[in-house]
Amino acid sequence: MLSLIRKLRAEHYDLAIDMLPSDSVTAALTTAISGAAMKIGFEDSASAFYNAVVARPAELEHHVPRL
């Protein structure tokens, strides 16, 4: 885990966006530890990890099922 944190922070990202349609605390934590100044994600139980939240769409468009 520490290795991942070091790698993410070494990139000095300006922006991190969590676009997962599910309520994923793991994705939110990864976004949070990225070190990015601006962190954006969907409004859900992990919203506290983001600087800005966007409303989750009622229905996902362009959804492609996994094979």
C-alpha atoms as a PDB file:
ATOM      1  CA  MET A   1       0.000   0.000   0.000  1.00  0.00           C
ATOM      2  CA  LEU A   2       2.807   2.407   0.830  1.00  0.00           C
ATOM      3  CA  SER A   3       4.369   1.675  -2.549  1.00  0.00           C
ATOM      4  CA  LEU A   4       1.131   2.667  -4.295  1.00  0.00           C
ATOM      5  CA  ILE A   5       0.900   5.895  -2.301  1.00  0.00           C
ATOM      6  CA  ARG A   6       4.506   6.801  -3.172  1.00  0.00           C
ATOM      7  CA  LYS A   7       3.959   6.077  -6.878  1.00  0.00           C
ATOM      8  CA  LEU A   8       0.753   8.124  -7.050  1.00  0.00           C
ATOM      9  CA  ARG A   9       2.183  11.086  -5.189  1.00  0.00           C
ATOM     10  CA  ALA A  10       5.420  11.029  -7.223  1.00  0.00           C
ATOM     11  CA  GLU A  11       3.395  11.884 -10.337  1.00  0.00           C
ATOM     12  CA  HIS A  12       2.197  15.209  -8.813  1.00  0.00           C
ATOM     13  CA  TYR A  13      -1.276  14.987 -10.344  1.00  0.00           C
ATOM     14  CA  ASP A  14      -3.328  18.190 -10.478  1.00  0.00           C
ATOM     15  CA  LEU A  15      -6.655  16.409 -10.878  1.00  0.00           C
ATOM     16  CA  ALA A  16      -8.018  12.987  -9.915  1.00  0.00           C
ATOM     17  CA  ILE A  17     -11.481  11.867 -11.024  1.00  0.00           C
ATOM     18  CA  ASP A  18     -13.282   8.828  -9.618  1.00  0.00           C
ATOM     19  CA  MET A  19     -15.756   7.877 -12.348  1.00  0.00           C
ATOM     20  CA  LEU A  20     -16.769   4.466 -11.048  1.00  0.00           C
ATOM     21  CA  PRO A  21     -20.551   4.176 -11.161  1.00  0.00           C
ATOM     22  CA  SER A  22     -20.612   2.049  -8.013  1.00  0.00           C
ATOM     23  CA  ASP A  23     -20.199   3.258  -4.453  1.00  0.00           C
ATOM     24  CA  SER A  24     -16.541   2.192  -4.120  1.00  0.00           C
ATOM     25  CA  VAL A  25     -14.672   3.239  -0.992  1.00  0.00           C
ATOM     26  CA  THR A  26     -11.492   1.711  -2.464  1.00  0.00           C
ATOM     27  CA  ALA A  27     -11.700   3.971  -5.529  1.00  0.00           C
ATOM     28  CA  ALA A  28     -12.445   6.976  -3.312  1.00  0.00           C
ATOM     29  CA  LEU A  29      -9.428   6.232  -1.121  1.00  0.00           C
ATOM     30  CA  THR A  30      -7.193   5.843  -4.167  1.00  0.00           C
ATOM     31  CA  THR A  31      -8.419   9.221  -5.420  1.00  0.00           C
ATOM     32  CA  ALA A  32      -7.818  10.748  -1.987  1.00  0.00           C
ATOM     33  CA  ILE A  33      -4.259   9.429  -1.576  1.00  0.00           C
ATOM     34  CA  SER A  34      -3.292  10.517  -5.096  1.00  0.00           C
ATOM     35  CA  GLY A  35      -2.100  13.834  -3.722  1.00  0.00           C
ATOM     36  CA  ALA A  36      -4.024  15.699  -6.427  1.00  0.00           C
ATOM     37  CA  ALA A  37      -5.093  19.210  -5.508  1.00  0.00           C
ATOM     38  CA  MET A  38      -8.562  18.658  -7.017  1.00  0.00           C
ATOM     39  CA  LYS A  39     -10.440  15.410  -6.438  1.00  0.00           C
ATOM     40  CA  ILE A  40     -13.819  14.853  -8.107  1.00  0.00           C
ATOM     41  CA  GLY A  41     -16.278  11.990  -7.679  1.00  0.00           C
ATOM     42  CA  PHE A  42     -19.916  11.032  -7.612  1.00  0.00           C
ATOM     43  CA  GLU A  43     -22.062  12.013  -4.650  1.00  0.00           C
ATOM     44  CA  ASP A  44     -22.247   8.936  -2.434  1.00  0.00           C
ATOM     45  CA  SER A  45     -21.087   7.630   0.932  1.00  0.00           C
ATOM     46  CA  ALA A  46     -17.445   8.354  -0.006  1.00  0.00           C
ATOM     47  CA  SER A  47     -18.079  12.011  -0.914  1.00  0.00           C
ATOM     48  CA  ALA A  48     -15.962  13.196   2.012  1.00  0.00           C
ATOM     49  CA  PHE A  49     -12.837  12.204   0.052  1.00  0.00           C
ATOM     50  CA  TYR A  50     -13.541  14.663  -2.793  1.00  0.00           C
ATOM     51  CA  ASN A  51     -13.173  18.426  -3.188  1.00  0.00           C
ATOM     52  CA  ALA A  52     -16.095  18.465  -5.615  1.00  0.00           C
ATOM     53  CA  VAL A  53     -18.957  16.039  -6.049  1.00  0.00           C
ATOM     54  CA  VAL A  54     -21.349  15.583  -8.939  1.00  0.00           C
ATOM     55  CA  ALA A  55     -24.787  14.025  -8.824  1.00  0.00           C
ATOM     56  CA  ARG A  56     -24.892  10.420  -9.932  1.00  0.00           C
ATOM     57  CA  PRO A  57     -26.876  10.099 -13.175  1.00  0.00           C
ATOM     58  CA  ALA A  58     -30.257   8.408 -12.833  1.00  0.00           C
ATOM     59  CA  GLU A  59     -29.377   6.041 -15.643  1.00  0.00           C
ATOM     60  CA  LEU A  60     -25.925   5.329 -16.982  1.00  0.00           C
ATOM     61  CA  GLU A  61     -25.544   6.005 -20.685  1.00  0.00           C
ATOM     62  CA  HIS A  62     -23.132   4.241 -23.006  1.00  0.00           C
ATOM     63  CA  HIS A  63     -22.784   1.366 -20.569  1.00  0.00           C
ATOM     64  CA  VAL A  64     -20.969  -1.566 -22.139  1.00  0.00           C
ATOM     65  CA  PRO A  65     -21.352  -4.928 -20.406  1.00  0.00           C
ATOM     66  CA  ARG A  66     -18.139  -6.676 -19.460  1.00  0.00           C
ATOM     67  CA  LEU A  67     -17.353  -9.836 -21.341  1.00  0.00           C
END
